[in-house]
C-alpha atoms as a PDB file:
ATOM      1  CA  MET A   1      66.474 125.078  76.655  1.00  0.00           C
ATOM      2  CA  ARG A   2      67.493 123.423  79.901  1.00  0.00           C
ATOM      3  CA  LYS A   3      69.772 120.385  79.803  1.00  0.00           C
ATOM      4  CA  VAL A   4      69.716 117.173  81.793  1.00  0.00           C
ATOM      5  CA  ILE A   5      73.241 116.539  83.054  1.00  0.00           C
ATOM      6  CA  LEU A   6      74.303 113.178  84.465  1.00  0.00           C
ATOM      7  CA  ASP A   7      76.753 114.082  87.232  1.00  0.00           C
ATOM      8  CA  MET A   8      78.333 111.089  88.954  1.00  0.00           C
ATOM      9  CA  LEU A   9      81.556 109.881  90.528  1.00  0.00           C
ATOM     10  CA  VAL A  10      82.994 106.490  89.635  1.00  0.00           C
ATOM     11  CA  THR A  11      86.113 104.627  90.713  1.00  0.00           C
ATOM     12  CA  LEU A  12      88.986 103.936  88.353  1.00  0.00           C
ATOM     13  CA  ASP A  13      87.531 100.442  87.892  1.00  0.00           C
ATOM     14  CA  CYS A  14      84.182 102.060  86.979  1.00  0.00           C
ATOM     15  CA  PHE A  15      82.070 101.391  90.065  1.00  0.00           C
ATOM     16  CA  PHE A  16      79.720 104.023  91.496  1.00  0.00           C
ATOM     17  CA  GLU A  17      79.184 102.110  94.767  1.00  0.00           C
ATOM     18  CA  GLY A  18      81.017  99.455  96.674  1.00  0.00           C
ATOM     19  CA  PRO A  19      79.567  95.905  96.666  1.00  0.00           C
ATOM     20  CA  ASN A  20      77.323  96.723  99.652  1.00  0.00           C
ATOM     21  CA  GLY A  21      76.335 100.198  98.470  1.00  0.00           C
ATOM     22  CA  GLU A  22      79.282 101.943 100.163  1.00  0.00           C
ATOM     23  CA  LEU A  23      80.086 105.508  99.139  1.00  0.00           C
ATOM     24  CA  ASP A  24      82.907 106.092 101.637  1.00  0.00           C
ATOM     25  CA  TRP A  25      85.505 105.865  98.839  1.00  0.00           C
ATOM     26  CA  THR A  26      84.318 109.281  97.615  1.00  0.00           C
ATOM     27  CA  PHE A  27      85.983 110.868 100.643  1.00  0.00           C
ATOM     28  CA  VAL A  28      89.335 110.312  98.899  1.00  0.00           C
ATOM     29  CA  VAL A  29      88.513 113.441  96.852  1.00  0.00           C
ATOM     30  CA  TRP A  30      86.188 115.236  99.291  1.00  0.00           C
ATOM     31  CA  ASP A  31      88.489 118.170  99.964  1.00  0.00           C
ATOM     32  CA  GLU A  32      88.004 121.949  99.930  1.00  0.00           C
ATOM     33  CA  GLU A  33      88.736 122.210  96.193  1.00  0.00           C
ATOM     34  CA  PHE A  34      86.119 119.594  95.248  1.00  0.00           C
ATOM     35  CA  GLN A  35      83.574 120.954  97.712  1.00  0.00           C
ATOM     36  CA  LYS A  36      83.832 124.410  96.122  1.00  0.00           C
ATOM     37  CA  TYR A  37      83.454 122.873  92.665  1.00  0.00           C
ATOM     38  CA  THR A  38      80.412 120.872  93.813  1.00  0.00           C
ATOM     39  CA  ASN A  39      78.816 123.951  95.342  1.00  0.00           C
ATOM     40  CA  ASP A  40      79.327 125.855  92.074  1.00  0.00           C
ATOM     41  CA  GLU A  41      77.706 122.954  90.204  1.00  0.00           C
ATOM     42  CA  LEU A  42      74.720 122.874  92.556  1.00  0.00           C
ATOM     43  CA  ARG A  43      74.216 126.642  92.259  1.00  0.00           C
ATOM     44  CA  SER A  44      74.139 126.251  88.458  1.00  0.00           C
ATOM     45  CA  MET A  45      71.204 123.791  88.641  1.00  0.00           C
ATOM     46  CA  ASP A  46      67.506 124.259  89.295  1.00  0.00           C
ATOM     47  CA  ALA A  47      66.863 120.730  90.511  1.00  0.00           C
ATOM     48  CA  ILE A  48      68.354 117.306  91.128  1.00  0.00           C
ATOM     49  CA  LEU A  49      66.676 114.367  89.413  1.00  0.00           C
ATOM     50  CA  TYR A  50      66.909 111.235  91.548  1.00  0.00           C
ATOM     51  CA  GLY A  51      66.028 107.599  91.298  1.00  0.00           C
ATOM     52  CA  ARG A  52      64.512 106.167  94.472  1.00  0.00           C
ATOM     53  CA  VAL A  53      67.672 104.627  95.930  1.00  0.00           C
ATOM     54  CA  ALA A  54      69.869 107.677  95.299  1.00  0.00           C
ATOM     55  CA  TYR A  55      67.202 109.941  96.790  1.00  0.00           C
ATOM     56  CA  GLN A  56      66.965 107.797  99.911  1.00  0.00           C
ATOM     57  CA  LYS A  57      70.777 107.655 100.246  1.00  0.00           C
ATOM     58  CA  THR A  58      71.814 111.178  99.312  1.00  0.00           C
ATOM     59  CA  GLY A  59      68.720 113.359  98.925  1.00  0.00           C
ATOM     60  CA  HIS A  60      69.217 114.742 102.418  1.00  0.00           C
ATOM     61  CA  GLN A  61      72.683 115.487 103.740  1.00  0.00           C
ATOM     62  CA  ASN A  62      73.961 115.798 107.300  1.00  0.00           C
ATOM     63  CA  VAL A  63      77.054 117.904 107.930  1.00  0.00           C
ATOM     64  CA  ASP A  64      78.271 115.499 110.641  1.00  0.00           C
ATOM     65  CA  GLU A  65      78.609 112.654 108.104  1.00  0.00           C
ATOM     66  CA  LEU A  66      80.912 114.542 105.722  1.00  0.00           C
ATOM     67  CA  GLY A  67      84.156 114.749 107.646  1.00  0.00           C
ATOM     68  CA  PRO A  68      85.631 117.978 108.971  1.00  0.00           C
ATOM     69  CA  VAL A  69      83.077 120.777 109.110  1.00  0.00           C
ATOM     70  CA  THR A  70      84.130 123.674 106.904  1.00  0.00           C
ATOM     71  CA  GLU A  71      82.232 126.562 105.349  1.00  0.00           C
ATOM     72  CA  SER A  72      82.206 124.646 102.060  1.00  0.00           C
ATOM     73  CA  THR A  73      80.804 121.529 103.750  1.00  0.00           C
ATOM     74  CA  ILE A  74      78.031 123.543 105.386  1.00  0.00           C
ATOM     75  CA  GLU A  75      77.271 125.233 102.055  1.00  0.00           C
ATOM     76  CA  PHE A  76      77.152 121.830 100.319  1.00  0.00           C
ATOM     77  CA  VAL A  77      74.709 120.438 102.878  1.00  0.00           C
ATOM     78  CA  ASN A  78      72.513 123.525 102.561  1.00  0.00           C
ATOM     79  CA  ASN A  79      72.645 123.397  98.753  1.00  0.00           C
ATOM     80  CA  VAL A  80      71.652 119.717  98.609  1.00  0.00           C
ATOM     81  CA  ASN A  81      68.981 120.017 101.269  1.00  0.00           C
ATOM     82  CA  ASN A  82      67.430 123.166  99.774  1.00  0.00           C
ATOM     83  CA  ILE A  83      67.524 122.447  96.041  1.00  0.00           C
ATOM     84  CA  LYS A  84      64.341 121.214  94.395  1.00  0.00           C
ATOM     85  CA  LYS A  85      64.325 117.434  93.983  1.00  0.00           C
ATOM     86  CA  ILE A  86      62.441 115.401  91.402  1.00  0.00           C
ATOM     87  CA  VAL A  87      62.227 111.737  92.425  1.00  0.00           C
ATOM     88  CA  PHE A  88      61.369 109.038  89.888  1.00  0.00           C
ATOM     89  CA  SER A  89      59.961 105.943  91.558  1.00  0.00           C
ATOM     90  CA  ARG A  90      57.161 103.465  91.031  1.00  0.00           C
ATOM     91  CA  THR A  91      57.355 102.225  94.632  1.00  0.00           C
ATOM     92  CA  LEU A  92      57.644 105.311  96.840  1.00  0.00           C
ATOM     93  CA  GLU A  93      54.357 106.657  98.108  1.00  0.00           C
ATOM     94  CA  ARG A  94      55.643 110.054  99.184  1.00  0.00           C
ATOM     95  CA  VAL A  95      58.748 112.223  99.361  1.00  0.00           C
ATOM     96  CA  GLU A  96      59.860 114.835 101.864  1.00  0.00           C
ATOM     97  CA  ASP A  97      60.252 118.601 101.941  1.00  0.00           C
ATOM     98  CA  ASN A  98      61.064 120.212  98.590  1.00  0.00           C
ATOM     99  CA  ALA A  99      60.811 117.002  96.552  1.00  0.00           C
ATOM    100  CA  ILE A 100      58.290 116.044  93.908  1.00  0.00           C
ATOM    101  CA  LEU A 101      57.457 112.405  93.176  1.00  0.00           C
ATOM    102  CA  ILE A 102      56.960 111.259  89.579  1.00  0.00           C
ATOM    103  CA  LYS A 103      55.707 107.711  89.119  1.00  0.00           C
ATOM    104  CA  GLU A 104      55.120 107.564  85.351  1.00  0.00           C
ATOM    105  CA  ASN A 105      55.438 109.452  82.060  1.00  0.00           C
ATOM    106  CA  ILE A 106      59.166 110.127  82.499  1.00  0.00           C
ATOM    107  CA  VAL A 107      59.686 111.306  78.924  1.00  0.00           C
ATOM    108  CA  GLU A 108      56.773 113.733  78.973  1.00  0.00           C
ATOM    109  CA  GLU A 109      57.748 115.132  82.377  1.00  0.00           C
ATOM    110  CA  ILE A 110      61.416 115.626  81.444  1.00  0.00           C
ATOM    111  CA  LEU A 111      60.610 117.153  78.057  1.00  0.00           C
ATOM    112  CA  LYS A 112      58.224 119.556  79.767  1.00  0.00           C
ATOM    113  CA  MET A 113      60.897 120.497  82.361  1.00  0.00           C
ATOM    114  CA  LYS A 114      63.478 121.040  79.619  1.00  0.00           C
ATOM    115  CA  GLN A 115      61.181 123.548  77.916  1.00  0.00           C
ATOM    116  CA  GLU A 116      60.610 125.573  81.082  1.00  0.00           C
ATOM    117  CA  PRO A 117      62.823 128.587  81.687  1.00  0.00           C
ATOM    118  CA  GLY A 118      65.595 128.185  84.223  1.00  0.00           C
ATOM    119  CA  LYS A 119      68.866 126.487  84.930  1.00  0.00           C
ATOM    120  CA  ASP A 120      69.895 122.931  84.072  1.00  0.00           C
ATOM    121  CA  LEU A 121      68.803 119.721  85.811  1.00  0.00           C
ATOM    122  CA  MET A 122      71.290 117.342  87.467  1.00  0.00           C
ATOM    123  CA  LEU A 123      70.636 113.602  87.252  1.00  0.00           C
ATOM    124  CA  VAL A 124      71.991 111.591  90.192  1.00  0.00           C
ATOM    125  CA  GLY A 125      71.133 107.927  90.430  1.00  0.00           C
ATOM    126  CA  GLY A 126      72.011 104.310  90.044  1.00  0.00           C
ATOM    127  CA  PRO A 127      72.039 102.018  87.030  1.00  0.00           C
ATOM    128  CA  ASN A 128      68.247 101.733  86.726  1.00  0.00           C
ATOM    129  CA  ILE A 129      67.419 105.416  86.432  1.00  0.00           C
ATOM    130  CA  VAL A 130      70.603 106.184  84.476  1.00  0.00           C
ATOM    131  CA  SER A 131      69.954 103.434  81.911  1.00  0.00           C
ATOM    132  CA  THR A 132      66.312 104.509  81.618  1.00  0.00           C
ATOM    133  CA  PHE A 133      67.325 108.109  80.910  1.00  0.00           C
ATOM    134  CA  ILE A 134      70.004 106.966  78.416  1.00  0.00           C
ATOM    135  CA  GLN A 135      67.639 104.620  76.581  1.00  0.00           C
ATOM    136  CA  LEU A 136      64.996 107.358  76.389  1.00  0.00           C
ATOM    137  CA  GLY A 137      67.529 109.864  75.047  1.00  0.00           C
ATOM    138  CA  LEU A 138      66.997 112.276  77.933  1.00  0.00           C
ATOM    139  CA  ILE A 139      70.628 112.983  78.944  1.00  0.00           C
ATOM    140  CA  ASP A 140      72.251 115.963  77.229  1.00  0.00           C
ATOM    141  CA  GLU A 141      75.598 115.947  78.990  1.00  0.00           C
ATOM    142  CA  TYR A 142      77.630 113.452  80.998  1.00  0.00           C
ATOM    143  CA  ARG A 143      79.940 114.679  83.762  1.00  0.00           C
ATOM    144  CA  ILE A 144      81.724 111.626  85.049  1.00  0.00           C
ATOM    145  CA  GLY A 145      84.244 112.155  87.827  1.00  0.00           C
ATOM    146  CA  VAL A 146      86.888 109.411  87.948  1.00  0.00           C
ATOM    147  CA  VAL A 147      88.168 108.990  91.511  1.00  0.00           C
ATOM    148  CA  PRO A 148      91.724 107.633  91.790  1.00  0.00           C
ATOM    149  CA  ILE A 149      90.789 104.515  93.704  1.00  0.00           C
ATOM    150  CA  ILE A 150      90.238 100.899  92.710  1.00  0.00           C
ATOM    151  CA  LEU A 151      87.640  98.975  94.706  1.00  0.00           C
ATOM    152  CA  GLY A 152      88.040  95.607  92.992  1.00  0.00           C
ATOM    153  CA  ALA A 153      84.303  94.976  93.332  1.00  0.00           C
ATOM    154  CA  GLY A 154      81.189  97.083  93.347  1.00  0.00           C
ATOM    155  CA  LYS A 155      78.154  98.204  91.395  1.00  0.00           C
ATOM    156  CA  SER A 156      78.590  99.431  87.827  1.00  0.00           C
ATOM    157  CA  LEU A 157      76.737 102.592  86.852  1.00  0.00           C
ATOM    158  CA  PHE A 158      76.279 101.452  83.266  1.00  0.00           C
ATOM    159  CA  LYS A 159      75.640  97.722  83.773  1.00  0.00           C
ATOM    160  CA  ALA A 160      72.132  97.904  82.323  1.00  0.00           C
ATOM    161  CA  ILE A 161      73.218  99.578  79.085  1.00  0.00           C
ATOM    162  CA  LYS A 162      72.997  97.114  76.210  1.00  0.00           C
ATOM    163  CA  ASP A 163      73.545  99.362  73.184  1.00  0.00           C
ATOM    164  CA  LYS A 164      76.681 101.266  72.258  1.00  0.00           C
ATOM    165  CA  LEU A 165      76.541 104.976  73.038  1.00  0.00           C
ATOM    166  CA  ASN A 166      79.002 107.218  71.201  1.00  0.00           C
ATOM    167  CA  LEU A 167      80.029 110.236  73.215  1.00  0.00           C
ATOM    168  CA  LYS A 168      82.230 113.224  72.391  1.00  0.00           C
ATOM    169  CA  LEU A 169      84.660 114.523  75.007  1.00  0.00           C
ATOM    170  CA  ILE A 170      84.142 118.278  75.288  1.00  0.00           C
ATOM    171  CA  LYS A 171      86.462 119.076  78.201  1.00  0.00           C
ATOM    172  CA  THR A 172      88.176 117.761  81.303  1.00  0.00           C
ATOM    173  CA  LYS A 173      88.835 119.173  84.740  1.00  0.00           C
ATOM    174  CA  THR A 174      91.527 117.882  87.070  1.00  0.00           C
ATOM    175  CA  PHE A 175      91.862 118.326  90.812  1.00  0.00           C
ATOM    176  CA  ASN A 176      94.838 118.193  93.167  1.00  0.00           C
ATOM    177  CA  SER A 177      93.380 115.002  94.705  1.00  0.00           C
ATOM    178  CA  GLY A 178      93.772 113.166  91.388  1.00  0.00           C
ATOM    179  CA  LEU A 179      90.058 113.367  90.539  1.00  0.00           C
ATOM    180  CA  VAL A 180      89.405 113.930  86.840  1.00  0.00           C
ATOM    181  CA  ILE A 181      86.000 115.037  85.606  1.00  0.00           C
ATOM    182  CA  LEU A 182      85.224 114.071  82.017  1.00  0.00           C
ATOM    183  CA  TYR A 183      82.549 116.117  80.222  1.00  0.00           C
ATOM    184  CA  TYR A 184      80.812 114.410  77.308  1.00  0.00           C
ATOM    185  CA  HIS A 185      78.010 115.179  74.868  1.00  0.00           C
ATOM    186  CA  ASN A 186      76.195 112.667  72.682  1.00  0.00           C
ATOM    187  CA  ARG A 187      77.633 112.480  69.163  1.00  0.00           C
END
């Protein structure tokens, strides 16, 4: 059975965006080592599940916006732009290219996708879609990358979560940049 994996970066003070939606702080760890890791992750997935905002911000990548152009950067852009995208939104009317728009019946759609043969599904989104997936019990694994930077202000990924969620650490991965990825399963 396919898994839904929440795969997000947060700052040391637990923000996933700056106060105005900035993501530039992620470049602190955007080196060759992390790019190769990210490309491996993308190749291990069949699709990226997006909320509307994350899809509009990151659903299409441009190599010129990612710093120095390397083979890994080009591969990352191609991987993101070519992977199947599932966008959950009540307000969007249409999506581009290889994306599918789902406006309702999230649980039924995800459960159906999980039963289909294939690789896992990566969830990328903000607090609304993440909290919805958590509350509906749809996330199988959490991969939270902690970037060694403190913003002091920003948007919390888990701000909409009201109930305690017990997780079990299954492994960690560290990078030369100081990034630490924490892998969790539900208890």
